[in-house]
Protein backbone atom coordinates (compact mmCIF):
# COMPACT_ATOMS: atom_id res chain seq x y z
CA MET A 1 -0.04 -0.20 0.10
CA LYS A 2 1.31 3.63 -1.15
CA GLN A 3 2.02 6.32 1.30
CA PHE A 4 0.11 9.42 1.05
CA PRO A 5 2.59 12.43 -0.13
CA TRP A 6 2.32 14.34 3.01
CA ARG A 7 5.38 15.77 2.27
CA SER A 8 4.73 17.16 -1.35
CA LEU A 9 1.59 18.03 0.00
CA LEU A 10 2.98 20.34 2.57
CA TYR A 11 5.41 22.13 0.00
CA ALA A 12 2.61 22.39 -2.23
CA VAL A 13 0.41 24.30 0.47
CA VAL A 14 3.83 26.35 1.40
CA LEU A 15 4.44 27.48 -2.11
CA LEU A 16 0.64 28.39 -2.36
CA TYR A 17 0.86 30.47 0.79
CA LEU A 18 3.66 32.09 -0.44
CA LEU A 19 2.32 32.91 -3.44
CA LEU A 20 -0.72 34.63 -2.02
CA ASP A 21 1.23 36.31 0.53
CA LEU A 22 3.19 38.19 -2.04
CA LYS A 23 0.85 38.37 -4.88
CA VAL A 24 -2.67 38.64 -3.72
CA TRP A 25 -2.29 39.20 0.00
CA ASN A 26 -0.82 41.60 1.53
CA GLY A 27 0.62 39.19 4.06
CA PRO A 28 3.59 39.44 6.86
CA LEU A 29 6.42 38.02 4.19
CA LYS A 30 5.06 40.76 1.74
CA GLN A 31 5.21 43.79 4.43
CA ALA A 32 8.73 42.25 5.56
CA ILE A 33 10.31 42.98 1.71
CA ALA A 34 8.32 46.54 1.51
CA ASN A 35 9.54 47.48 5.18
CA ARG A 36 12.80 46.23 4.21
CA GLN A 37 12.85 48.31 0.96
CA ASP A 38 11.34 51.56 2.54
CA MET A 39 14.19 51.21 5.12
CA ALA A 40 16.72 51.14 2.38
CA LEU A 41 15.20 53.88 0.32
CA GLU A 42 15.26 56.16 3.00
CA ALA A 43 19.00 55.24 3.99
CA ALA A 44 19.59 56.20 0.20
CA LEU A 45 17.79 59.29 0.55
CA GLU A 46 19.47 60.28 3.79
CA ASN A 47 23.09 59.21 2.90
CA ARG A 48 22.67 60.64 -0.60
CA TRP A 49 23.67 57.07 -2.18
CA VAL A 50 24.02 56.59 -5.78
CA ALA A 51 23.34 53.09 -6.18
CA ILE A 52 22.69 49.94 -4.01
CA VAL A 53 23.79 46.88 -5.37
CA ASN A 54 23.22 43.43 -3.77
CA GLN A 55 22.47 45.70 -0.68
CA GLU A 56 25.53 47.27 -0.47
CA PRO A 57 25.36 51.30 -1.10
CA LEU A 58 27.42 53.17 -3.32
CA THR A 59 28.29 56.53 -2.29
CA ARG A 60 28.11 59.92 -3.72
CA ASP A 61 32.11 60.42 -2.57
CA GLN A 62 33.03 56.78 -4.37
CA LEU A 63 31.73 58.25 -7.65
CA ASP A 64 33.40 61.65 -6.98
CA ILE A 65 36.78 60.00 -6.52
CA ALA A 66 35.77 57.45 -9.69
CA VAL A 67 34.91 60.53 -11.77
CA PHE A 68 37.97 62.25 -10.61
CA ARG A 69 40.03 59.26 -11.65
CA HIS A 70 38.08 58.63 -14.93
CA LEU A 71 39.10 62.36 -15.68
CA TYR A 72 42.97 62.42 -14.25
CA ARG A 73 43.63 59.45 -16.70
CA ARG A 74 42.37 61.42 -19.71
CA GLY A 75 44.30 64.75 -18.37
CA LYS A 76 41.36 66.38 -17.61
CA GLU A 77 40.47 68.19 -14.28
CA VAL A 78 36.38 68.20 -13.44
CA THR A 79 36.82 71.99 -13.41
CA GLU A 80 37.06 72.16 -17.34
CA ILE A 81 34.20 69.70 -18.55
CA PRO A 82 31.03 71.55 -19.03
CA GLU A 83 28.30 70.90 -17.19
CA LYS A 84 26.01 68.74 -19.40
CA ASN A 85 29.09 66.69 -20.52
CA LEU A 86 29.83 66.41 -16.72
CA SER A 87 26.56 64.83 -15.94
CA MET A 88 27.03 62.36 -19.14
CA ILE A 89 30.65 61.49 -17.58
CA ARG A 90 29.19 61.07 -14.21
CA ARG A 91 26.57 58.55 -15.66
CA ALA A 92 29.31 56.61 -17.39
CA VAL A 93 31.36 56.16 -14.59
CA MET A 94 28.63 55.08 -12.64
CA GLN A 95 27.88 52.23 -14.46
CA GLU A 96 31.86 51.24 -14.48
CA LEU A 97 31.44 51.59 -10.68
CA ILE A 98 28.59 49.08 -10.60
CA ASN A 99 30.31 47.05 -12.93
CA ASP A 100 33.65 47.15 -10.78
CA THR A 101 31.33 46.30 -7.66
CA LEU A 102 29.65 43.36 -9.13
CA VAL A 103 33.35 42.00 -10.18
CA ARG A 104 34.19 42.54 -6.92
CA GLN A 105 31.61 40.82 -5.24
CA TYR A 106 31.55 37.94 -7.06
CA ALA A 107 35.12 37.29 -6.65
CA ASP A 108 34.99 38.00 -2.97
CA GLY A 109 32.15 35.41 -2.81
CA GLU A 110 34.31 32.81 -4.03
CA LYS A 111 37.51 33.97 -2.04
CA PHE A 112 39.32 34.57 -4.95
CA ASN A 113 42.52 36.36 -4.70
CA ALA A 114 45.32 36.54 -7.36
CA PRO A 115 48.51 34.87 -6.18
CA GLN A 116 50.66 37.07 -4.06
CA LYS A 117 54.06 36.75 -6.28
CA GLU A 118 51.44 38.14 -9.28
CA ILE A 119 50.05 40.92 -6.61
CA ASP A 120 53.79 42.06 -5.83
CA ALA A 121 54.95 42.17 -9.31
CA PHE A 122 52.01 44.29 -10.70
CA ILE A 123 52.63 46.40 -7.69
CA GLU A 124 56.19 47.04 -8.22
CA SER A 125 55.41 47.27 -12.04
CA TRP A 126 52.79 50.11 -11.64
CA GLU A 127 55.21 52.36 -9.37
CA SER A 128 57.72 52.25 -11.55
CA GLN A 129 56.52 53.99 -13.43
CA PHE A 130 57.12 57.02 -11.62
CA THR A 131 60.33 58.81 -11.46
CA SER A 132 60.90 59.35 -8.04
CA GLU A 133 58.72 58.52 -4.48
CA GLU A 134 58.04 62.15 -4.15
CA GLU A 135 55.96 62.00 -7.95
CA LEU A 136 54.26 58.47 -6.57
CA ALA A 137 53.32 60.23 -3.44
CA GLU A 138 52.13 63.20 -5.22
CA ARG A 139 49.81 61.30 -7.60
CA SER A 140 48.77 58.94 -4.87
CA GLU A 141 47.64 61.78 -2.97
CA LEU A 142 45.41 63.40 -5.68
CA GLN A 143 43.55 59.92 -6.35
CA HIS A 144 42.92 59.96 -2.40
CA LEU A 145 45.45 57.19 -1.51
CA ASP A 146 47.82 56.80 1.29
CA PRO A 147 50.37 54.21 0.67
CA THR A 148 48.86 51.65 2.11
CA ALA A 149 45.31 52.23 0.69
CA ARG A 150 47.03 52.37 -2.59
CA ARG A 151 48.79 49.01 -2.23
CA GLN A 152 45.40 47.60 -1.43
CA GLU A 153 43.56 49.20 -4.41
CA LEU A 154 46.40 47.67 -6.76
CA ALA A 155 46.14 44.13 -5.14
CA ARG A 156 42.19 44.37 -5.72
CA ILE A 157 42.43 45.45 -9.16
CA TRP A 158 44.84 42.90 -9.71
CA SER A 159 42.41 40.12 -8.48
CA ARG A 160 39.83 41.59 -10.35
CA LYS A 161 41.35 41.50 -13.27
CA ARG A 162 42.74 38.01 -12.84
CA TRP A 163 38.99 36.37 -12.13
CA LEU A 164 37.47 38.05 -15.06
CA GLU A 165 40.41 36.73 -17.29
CA GLN A 166 39.77 32.90 -15.48
CA ARG A 167 36.34 33.48 -16.28
CA ILE A 168 36.47 34.53 -19.60
CA ALA A 169 39.14 32.28 -20.79
CA PRO A 170 37.20 29.82 -22.77
CA GLY A 171 35.78 31.88 -24.79
CA ILE A 172 38.79 33.72 -26.04
CA ASP A 173 40.93 31.20 -27.19
CA VAL A 174 42.34 31.73 -30.74
CA THR A 175 43.63 29.24 -33.33
CA ASP A 176 46.88 29.29 -35.07
CA GLY A 177 44.22 28.95 -38.52
CA GLU A 178 42.29 32.19 -37.35
CA VAL A 179 45.39 34.15 -37.47
CA ARG A 180 46.50 33.32 -40.51
CA ALA A 181 43.10 33.78 -42.03
CA TRP A 182 43.28 37.45 -40.15
CA PHE A 183 46.81 38.08 -41.63
CA ASP A 184 45.51 36.98 -45.30
CA ALA A 185 42.23 38.69 -44.93
CA ASN A 186 44.17 42.14 -43.90
CA ARG A 187 47.62 41.96 -45.90
CA GLU A 188 46.21 44.07 -48.57
CA SER A 189 44.81 47.05 -46.60
CA GLY A 190 48.14 47.02 -44.74
CA GLU A 191 46.22 47.68 -41.65
CA GLY A 192 48.44 46.89 -38.70
CA LEU A 193 50.73 44.89 -40.98
CA VAL A 194 53.04 47.79 -41.63
CA GLU A 195 56.20 48.60 -39.80
CA PRO A 196 56.24 52.38 -39.83
CA GLU A 197 59.68 54.25 -40.60
CA LYS A 198 61.92 54.53 -37.56
CA ILE A 199 64.79 56.12 -36.79
CA HIS A 200 67.54 55.56 -34.11
CA ALA A 201 68.91 58.72 -32.33
CA ARG A 202 70.27 60.63 -29.35
CA HIS A 203 70.19 64.04 -28.62
CA LEU A 204 71.22 67.03 -26.50
CA PHE A 205 68.48 68.98 -24.85
CA LEU A 206 68.62 72.54 -23.10
CA SER A 207 65.22 73.50 -21.85
CA THR A 208 63.68 77.10 -22.57
CA VAL A 209 61.33 76.65 -19.80
CA GLU A 210 61.61 79.87 -16.87
CA THR A 211 65.18 80.31 -18.35
CA ASP A 212 66.59 83.02 -20.75
CA ASP A 213 66.16 81.92 -24.35
CA GLU A 214 69.14 83.94 -25.73
CA THR A 215 71.45 82.47 -23.46
CA ARG A 216 70.33 79.11 -23.95
CA GLU A 217 70.69 79.57 -27.83
CA GLU A 218 74.47 80.52 -27.40
CA SER A 219 74.87 77.50 -25.26
CA ILE A 220 73.57 75.10 -27.61
CA LYS A 221 75.79 76.30 -30.48
CA ALA A 222 78.99 76.08 -28.12
CA LEU A 223 77.80 72.17 -27.79
CA HIS A 224 77.33 72.12 -31.61
CA ARG A 225 80.79 74.06 -32.04
CA GLN A 226 82.43 70.92 -29.88
CA LEU A 227 80.53 68.23 -31.95
CA SER A 228 81.34 69.47 -35.19
CA GLU A 229 85.21 70.18 -34.09
CA LYS A 230 85.13 66.57 -32.41
CA SER A 231 86.35 68.02 -29.69
CA ALA A 232 84.26 66.53 -27.09
CA SER A 233 82.06 63.31 -27.96
CA PHE A 234 78.38 63.12 -28.05
CA GLU A 235 78.37 60.99 -24.76
CA SER A 236 80.41 63.00 -22.64
CA LEU A 237 78.39 66.31 -23.68
CA ALA A 238 75.08 64.81 -22.85
CA LYS A 239 75.95 63.44 -19.56
CA ALA A 240 77.54 66.95 -18.53
CA SER A 241 75.14 69.45 -20.06
CA SER A 242 71.86 67.63 -21.33
CA GLU A 243 68.66 68.95 -19.28
CA ASP A 244 67.35 65.77 -20.31
CA PRO A 245 67.23 63.57 -16.97
CA ARG A 246 65.68 60.40 -18.96
CA THR A 247 68.55 60.08 -21.27
CA LYS A 248 71.72 62.24 -20.15
CA ASN A 249 73.18 59.51 -18.43
CA ARG A 250 72.95 56.91 -21.57
CA GLY A 251 74.84 59.58 -23.78
CA GLY A 252 71.13 61.12 -24.73
CA ASN A 253 70.41 57.64 -26.57
CA LEU A 254 66.66 58.06 -27.48
CA ASN A 255 66.38 54.59 -28.90
CA TRP A 256 64.33 53.79 -31.53
CA PHE A 257 61.22 56.01 -32.26
CA THR A 258 58.32 56.47 -34.71
CA ARG A 259 57.43 60.06 -36.39
CA ASP A 260 54.31 59.54 -34.15
CA ARG A 261 56.01 59.23 -30.43
CA MET A 262 57.32 62.45 -30.44
CA PRO A 263 55.90 66.08 -31.39
CA ALA A 264 55.97 67.48 -34.29
CA ASP A 265 58.41 70.10 -34.23
CA PHE A 266 60.85 67.58 -33.23
CA SER A 267 59.74 64.72 -35.90
CA ASP A 268 60.00 67.21 -38.62
CA GLN A 269 63.09 68.14 -38.06
CA VAL A 270 64.88 64.36 -37.15
CA PHE A 271 63.37 62.31 -39.74
CA ALA A 272 64.58 65.01 -42.19
CA LEU A 273 68.09 63.81 -41.46
CA LYS A 274 70.13 60.92 -42.57
CA THR A 275 71.97 58.05 -41.15
CA GLY A 276 75.23 59.53 -39.67
CA ASP A 277 73.68 63.31 -39.92
CA LEU A 278 74.33 65.89 -37.08
CA SER A 279 71.40 68.17 -36.84
CA GLU A 280 72.29 71.87 -36.72
CA PRO A 281 70.77 73.42 -33.02
CA PHE A 282 67.08 73.53 -33.39
CA LYS A 283 64.17 74.80 -31.39
CA THR A 284 61.12 73.15 -30.14
CA ALA A 285 58.18 74.34 -27.65
CA ILE A 286 60.19 73.20 -24.92
CA GLY A 287 63.74 73.52 -25.57
CA TRP A 288 66.98 73.82 -27.77
CA HIS A 289 67.86 70.09 -29.26
CA ILE A 290 70.92 68.70 -31.01
CA VAL A 291 70.11 65.65 -32.93
CA GLU A 292 72.21 62.89 -34.30
CA VAL A 293 70.76 60.10 -36.33
CA LEU A 294 72.50 56.36 -35.73
CA ASP A 295 70.16 54.50 -37.59
CA HIS A 296 67.08 54.71 -39.62
CA GLN A 297 64.72 51.98 -41.02
CA SER A 298 62.22 52.89 -43.89
CA GLU A 299 58.28 51.46 -43.82
CA ARG A 300 58.17 48.00 -44.66
CA PRO A 301 55.49 45.44 -44.92
CA LEU A 302 55.51 42.83 -42.05
CA THR A 303 55.66 39.01 -42.61
CA PHE A 304 53.60 36.73 -41.16
CA ASP A 305 55.82 35.26 -38.19
CA GLU A 306 56.50 39.11 -37.44
CA ALA A 307 52.79 39.98 -37.34
CA ALA A 308 51.51 36.67 -35.91
CA GLU A 309 51.74 37.49 -32.23
CA GLU A 310 50.29 40.98 -32.25
CA ILE A 311 47.30 39.75 -34.45
CA ARG A 312 46.71 36.66 -31.99
CA ILE A 313 46.79 39.76 -29.11
CA HIS A 314 44.84 41.89 -31.04
CA ILE A 315 41.65 39.24 -31.72
CA GLU A 316 41.87 38.04 -28.15
CA ASN A 317 41.76 41.70 -27.13
CA GLN A 318 38.21 41.94 -29.43
CA ARG A 319 36.76 38.63 -28.06
CA SER A 320 37.92 39.52 -24.39
CA ALA A 321 35.87 42.84 -24.79
CA ASP A 322 32.92 40.86 -26.00
CA THR A 323 33.02 37.84 -23.59
CA ILE A 324 33.10 40.53 -20.50
CA LYS A 325 30.10 42.59 -21.98
CA VAL A 326 27.99 39.18 -22.14
CA LEU A 327 29.17 38.23 -18.26
CA MET A 328 28.67 41.40 -17.05
CA LYS A 329 24.96 41.19 -18.88
CA LYS A 330 24.48 37.83 -16.81
CA LEU A 331 25.84 39.37 -13.33
CA ARG A 332 23.61 42.09 -13.57
CA THR A 333 20.69 40.13 -14.99
CA VAL A 334 20.82 38.25 -11.23
CA ALA A 335 21.85 40.89 -9.31
CA ASN A 336 19.42 43.37 -7.06
CA ILE A 337 20.60 46.93 -8.07
CA LYS A 338 18.76 50.14 -7.45
CA LEU A 339 20.05 53.55 -8.81
CA PHE A 340 19.04 56.57 -7.12
CA PRO A 341 19.83 59.46 -10.05
CA GLU A 342 18.25 62.39 -8.37
CA HIS A 343 22.26 62.12 -6.50
CA ILE A 344 24.31 61.20 -9.66
């Protein structure tokens, strides 16, 4: 004799009660949810939150800092941006802030942290872009970060990046056949498949910023005479007299560069020279220069072997961007996000 399915009946009754409570009656469950939503709304209004993401508030201060950093990376300040444009930027940055919050929440929920060696290497690489500890401290202060907070933020950035990479990795694999197909399809147009004209040069530089230009001109001419008469080597004069701190201790060596990597008033002069030429002293917006061209490479098409790795990276980057969009759409679909546009 079969037993009566009490358990199934009980589940059905409970589900029916919940459905009626939420959809038909104004029952205790519906009231509790409504009260909780009302409390969140009151807190948002009182504290001027710009959003709530899975019950985590995002504050106006957080958005202000995010907007500042967004503009700072582009060499802009808030005061330079027209009010209408700034409003659009704030809304766009708001979406980036929500995405960052979702990634952090999911990564933290999985207790994901990148290996400490990777984090340390990333922090070291990031900090090495600054010429001094003072410059690093100044830039960090501008972004409202003390040294400890800066390292913590960099660690979080790297861990989120690695979490995302692991999530999207299956969707961005690029085969050798796809790389070859891209090369063949774009070879005729030359897009991304041309090695641009390059020059290897060294220079002597005297700044005219906050100095007497006439004195600078006499000094650069005197240096040029020594080079022309071969009474001193380029390396020794660069070390003793050049005012470019990045190159003076390596003989003024600028290494290889393309035309578009340098300001036009510099490139136009240098790319008119031939290998072995020593320029006359010439002036740019920042000062006086003497340039010697050590080597020159004309523009030429790249071979498949030379271009393959760059093509692979290009395709991977495109797929990464598309895959991240899909992932973020999924994360947003299941997330509980409440915006407060009046505070943005």
